[in-house]
Amino acid sequence: MEIAIIAHDGKKAEMVQFLSKHKELILKNNIELISTGTTGGHAENSGLSVTKYLSGPMGGDAQIAGRVAEGKVSMVLFFRDPLEKHPHEPDVLMLMRLCDVHNVPLATNPATAALLMEALG
C-alpha cells in the first residue's frame, strides 16, 4: 500500500508527530510512504523510509496527483495550512480533485488522518 504524505510549512511538525505516533502501524502494514521533498525529509528524520518527489511549489503536488490518477496511491495525508496563502494552490486543488475523481481517501488534518490510520488497524 502506498500512502502519500504532504504538509504545508506550518504543519510539518504536526506531520512528523503524527507519523511518529503511527510508526508501528506503518511498519507493520509495510506501507510505502511517498512525499513531497521537504515533508519527506522531515519524515526521514523521524526514522521512516520515504520516496521523495519535488517540493510542492516546484511540482511535487502535481507529481503525487499523477500517481493518484495512475491508481498507485491508496491514501493521501495532506496537512494543509488553511490560514496561509500558497502560490501552488492550483496544484493542491488538482490533487484534491483527483482524489475525489479516483475515490482515494484524503485527510487534510490530523483528526481525519488518525481515523484513516485506525481503519488500517
C-alpha atoms as a PDB file:
ATOM      1  CA  MET A   1       0.000   0.000   0.000  1.00  0.00           C
ATOM      2  CA  GLU A   2       1.289   3.432  -0.946  1.00  0.00           C
ATOM      3  CA  ILE A   3       0.378   6.463   1.148  1.00  0.00           C
ATOM      4  CA  ALA A   4       1.285   9.997   0.122  1.00  0.00           C
ATOM      5  CA  ILE A   5       2.223  12.442   2.871  1.00  0.00           C
ATOM      6  CA  ILE A   6       2.314  16.189   2.320  1.00  0.00           C
ATOM      7  CA  ALA A   7       2.386  19.062   4.801  1.00  0.00           C
ATOM      8  CA  HIS A   8       2.478  22.790   4.325  1.00  0.00           C
ATOM      9  CA  ASP A   9       5.354  24.508   6.133  1.00  0.00           C
ATOM     10  CA  GLY A  10       3.265  25.407   9.179  1.00  0.00           C
ATOM     11  CA  LYS A  11       2.108  21.792   9.519  1.00  0.00           C
ATOM     12  CA  LYS A  12       5.341  19.832   9.001  1.00  0.00           C
ATOM     13  CA  ALA A  13       5.974  19.394  12.731  1.00  0.00           C
ATOM     14  CA  GLU A  14       2.417  18.080  13.136  1.00  0.00           C
ATOM     15  CA  MET A  15       3.009  15.598  10.319  1.00  0.00           C
ATOM     16  CA  VAL A  16       6.218  14.313  11.914  1.00  0.00           C
ATOM     17  CA  GLN A  17       4.446  13.973  15.254  1.00  0.00           C
ATOM     18  CA  PHE A  18       1.579  12.114  13.547  1.00  0.00           C
ATOM     19  CA  LEU A  19       3.930   9.753  11.724  1.00  0.00           C
ATOM     20  CA  SER A  20       5.899   9.055  14.901  1.00  0.00           C
ATOM     21  CA  LYS A  21       2.672   8.187  16.699  1.00  0.00           C
ATOM     22  CA  HIS A  22       1.649   5.788  13.904  1.00  0.00           C
ATOM     23  CA  LYS A  23       5.119   4.460  13.041  1.00  0.00           C
ATOM     24  CA  GLU A  24       4.453   0.935  14.329  1.00  0.00           C
ATOM     25  CA  LEU A  25       1.280   0.661  12.225  1.00  0.00           C
ATOM     26  CA  ILE A  26       3.105   1.959   9.139  1.00  0.00           C
ATOM     27  CA  LEU A  27       5.900  -0.597   9.559  1.00  0.00           C
ATOM     28  CA  LYS A  28       3.559  -3.473  10.473  1.00  0.00           C
ATOM     29  CA  ASN A  29       1.487  -2.952   7.323  1.00  0.00           C
ATOM     30  CA  ASN A  30       4.531  -2.489   5.039  1.00  0.00           C
ATOM     31  CA  ILE A  31       3.195   0.886   3.967  1.00  0.00           C
ATOM     32  CA  GLU A  32       5.286   2.637   1.348  1.00  0.00           C
ATOM     33  CA  LEU A  33       5.386   6.366   2.016  1.00  0.00           C
ATOM     34  CA  ILE A  34       5.794   8.864  -0.792  1.00  0.00           C
ATOM     35  CA  SER A  35       6.062  12.566  -0.217  1.00  0.00           C
ATOM     36  CA  THR A  36       6.850  15.985  -1.498  1.00  0.00           C
ATOM     37  CA  GLY A  37      10.525  16.806  -0.976  1.00  0.00           C
ATOM     38  CA  THR A  38      10.658  18.861   2.182  1.00  0.00           C
ATOM     39  CA  THR A  39       7.957  16.912   4.020  1.00  0.00           C
ATOM     40  CA  GLY A  40       9.752  13.692   3.078  1.00  0.00           C
ATOM     41  CA  GLY A  41      12.989  14.981   4.536  1.00  0.00           C
ATOM     42  CA  HIS A  42      11.284  15.692   7.837  1.00  0.00           C
ATOM     43  CA  ALA A  43       9.676  12.232   7.818  1.00  0.00           C
ATOM     44  CA  GLU A  44      13.053  10.590   7.169  1.00  0.00           C
ATOM     45  CA  ASN A  45      14.448  12.423  10.190  1.00  0.00           C
ATOM     46  CA  SER A  46      11.826  10.605  12.267  1.00  0.00           C
ATOM     47  CA  GLY A  47      13.282   7.273  11.113  1.00  0.00           C
ATOM     48  CA  LEU A  48      10.875   6.357   8.311  1.00  0.00           C
ATOM     49  CA  SER A  49      11.755   5.412   4.758  1.00  0.00           C
ATOM     50  CA  VAL A  50      10.176   7.797   2.238  1.00  0.00           C
ATOM     51  CA  THR A  51      10.311   8.145  -1.542  1.00  0.00           C
ATOM     52  CA  LYS A  52      10.603  11.884  -2.119  1.00  0.00           C
ATOM     53  CA  TYR A  53       9.365  13.833  -5.104  1.00  0.00           C
ATOM     54  CA  LEU A  54       9.866  17.512  -5.822  1.00  0.00           C
ATOM     55  CA  SER A  55       8.949  20.156  -3.284  1.00  0.00           C
ATOM     56  CA  GLY A  56       5.257  21.095  -3.520  1.00  0.00           C
ATOM     57  CA  PRO A  57       5.775  24.540  -5.085  1.00  0.00           C
ATOM     58  CA  MET A  58       8.232  23.029  -7.586  1.00  0.00           C
ATOM     59  CA  GLY A  59       5.747  20.411  -8.829  1.00  0.00           C
ATOM     60  CA  GLY A  60       5.704  17.723  -6.132  1.00  0.00           C
ATOM     61  CA  ASP A  61       1.958  18.068  -5.534  1.00  0.00           C
ATOM     62  CA  ALA A  62       1.410  17.556  -9.267  1.00  0.00           C
ATOM     63  CA  GLN A  63       3.716  14.511  -9.304  1.00  0.00           C
ATOM     64  CA  ILE A  64       1.745  12.913  -6.492  1.00  0.00           C
ATOM     65  CA  ALA A  65      -1.531  13.830  -8.234  1.00  0.00           C
ATOM     66  CA  GLY A  66      -0.235  11.916 -11.248  1.00  0.00           C
ATOM     67  CA  ARG A  67       0.322   8.840  -9.098  1.00  0.00           C
ATOM     68  CA  VAL A  68      -3.234   9.185  -7.756  1.00  0.00           C
ATOM     69  CA  ALA A  69      -4.545   9.306 -11.340  1.00  0.00           C
ATOM     70  CA  GLU A  70      -2.487   6.208 -12.220  1.00  0.00           C
ATOM     71  CA  GLY A  71      -4.069   4.276  -9.334  1.00  0.00           C
ATOM     72  CA  LYS A  72      -0.785   3.871  -7.435  1.00  0.00           C
ATOM     73  CA  VAL A  73      -1.689   5.853  -4.296  1.00  0.00           C
ATOM     74  CA  SER A  74      -4.088   4.274  -1.793  1.00  0.00           C
ATOM     75  CA  MET A  75      -4.409   7.237   0.572  1.00  0.00           C
ATOM     76  CA  VAL A  76      -3.286  10.862   0.831  1.00  0.00           C
ATOM     77  CA  LEU A  77      -2.483  12.580   4.114  1.00  0.00           C
ATOM     78  CA  PHE A  78      -2.169  16.287   3.314  1.00  0.00           C
ATOM     79  CA  PHE A  79      -1.872  18.504   6.370  1.00  0.00           C
ATOM     80  CA  ARG A  80      -2.884  21.827   4.847  1.00  0.00           C
ATOM     81  CA  ASP A  81      -2.433  25.227   6.432  1.00  0.00           C
ATOM     82  CA  PRO A  82      -5.707  27.000   5.602  1.00  0.00           C
ATOM     83  CA  LEU A  83      -4.552  30.274   7.156  1.00  0.00           C
ATOM     84  CA  GLU A  84      -1.653  30.871   4.753  1.00  0.00           C
ATOM     85  CA  LYS A  85      -1.541  31.682   1.046  1.00  0.00           C
ATOM     86  CA  HIS A  86       0.207  29.152  -1.156  1.00  0.00           C
ATOM     87  CA  PRO A  87       1.465  30.043  -4.637  1.00  0.00           C
ATOM     88  CA  HIS A  88       0.949  26.449  -5.788  1.00  0.00           C
ATOM     89  CA  GLU A  89      -2.727  26.348  -4.729  1.00  0.00           C
ATOM     90  CA  PRO A  90      -3.846  25.226  -8.233  1.00  0.00           C
ATOM     91  CA  ASP A  91      -1.722  22.068  -7.820  1.00  0.00           C
ATOM     92  CA  VAL A  92      -3.196  21.487  -4.364  1.00  0.00           C
ATOM     93  CA  LEU A  93      -6.730  21.792  -5.722  1.00  0.00           C
ATOM     94  CA  MET A  94      -5.864  19.451  -8.610  1.00  0.00           C
ATOM     95  CA  LEU A  95      -4.577  16.831  -6.170  1.00  0.00           C
ATOM     96  CA  MET A  96      -7.707  17.102  -4.044  1.00  0.00           C
ATOM     97  CA  ARG A  97      -9.947  16.912  -7.128  1.00  0.00           C
ATOM     98  CA  LEU A  98      -8.139  13.806  -8.397  1.00  0.00           C
ATOM     99  CA  CYS A  99      -8.555  12.131  -5.010  1.00  0.00           C
ATOM    100  CA  ASP A 100     -12.290  12.714  -5.379  1.00  0.00           C
ATOM    101  CA  VAL A 101     -12.370  11.588  -9.023  1.00  0.00           C
ATOM    102  CA  HIS A 102     -10.468   8.370  -8.258  1.00  0.00           C
ATOM    103  CA  ASN A 103     -12.119   7.733  -4.874  1.00  0.00           C
ATOM    104  CA  VAL A 104      -8.847   7.940  -2.939  1.00  0.00           C
ATOM    105  CA  PRO A 105      -9.204   8.729   0.778  1.00  0.00           C
ATOM    106  CA  LEU A 106      -7.825  12.189   1.573  1.00  0.00           C
ATOM    107  CA  ALA A 107      -7.188  13.565   5.061  1.00  0.00           C
ATOM    108  CA  THR A 108      -6.382  17.254   5.356  1.00  0.00           C
ATOM    109  CA  ASN A 109      -5.938  17.323   9.126  1.00  0.00           C
ATOM    110  CA  PRO A 110      -4.575  15.034  11.857  1.00  0.00           C
ATOM    111  CA  ALA A 111      -8.016  14.065  13.216  1.00  0.00           C
ATOM    112  CA  THR A 112      -9.187  12.694   9.880  1.00  0.00           C
ATOM    113  CA  ALA A 113      -5.807  11.105   9.199  1.00  0.00           C
ATOM    114  CA  ALA A 114      -5.999   9.276  12.545  1.00  0.00           C
ATOM    115  CA  LEU A 115      -9.375   7.808  11.589  1.00  0.00           C
ATOM    116  CA  LEU A 116      -7.969   6.577   8.294  1.00  0.00           C
ATOM    117  CA  MET A 117      -4.959   5.032  10.017  1.00  0.00           C
ATOM    118  CA  GLU A 118      -7.218   3.332  12.589  1.00  0.00           C
ATOM    119  CA  ALA A 119      -9.123   1.742   9.714  1.00  0.00           C
ATOM    120  CA  LEU A 120      -5.875   0.048   8.657  1.00  0.00           C
ATOM    121  CA  GLY A 121      -5.729  -1.494  12.141  1.00  0.00           C
END
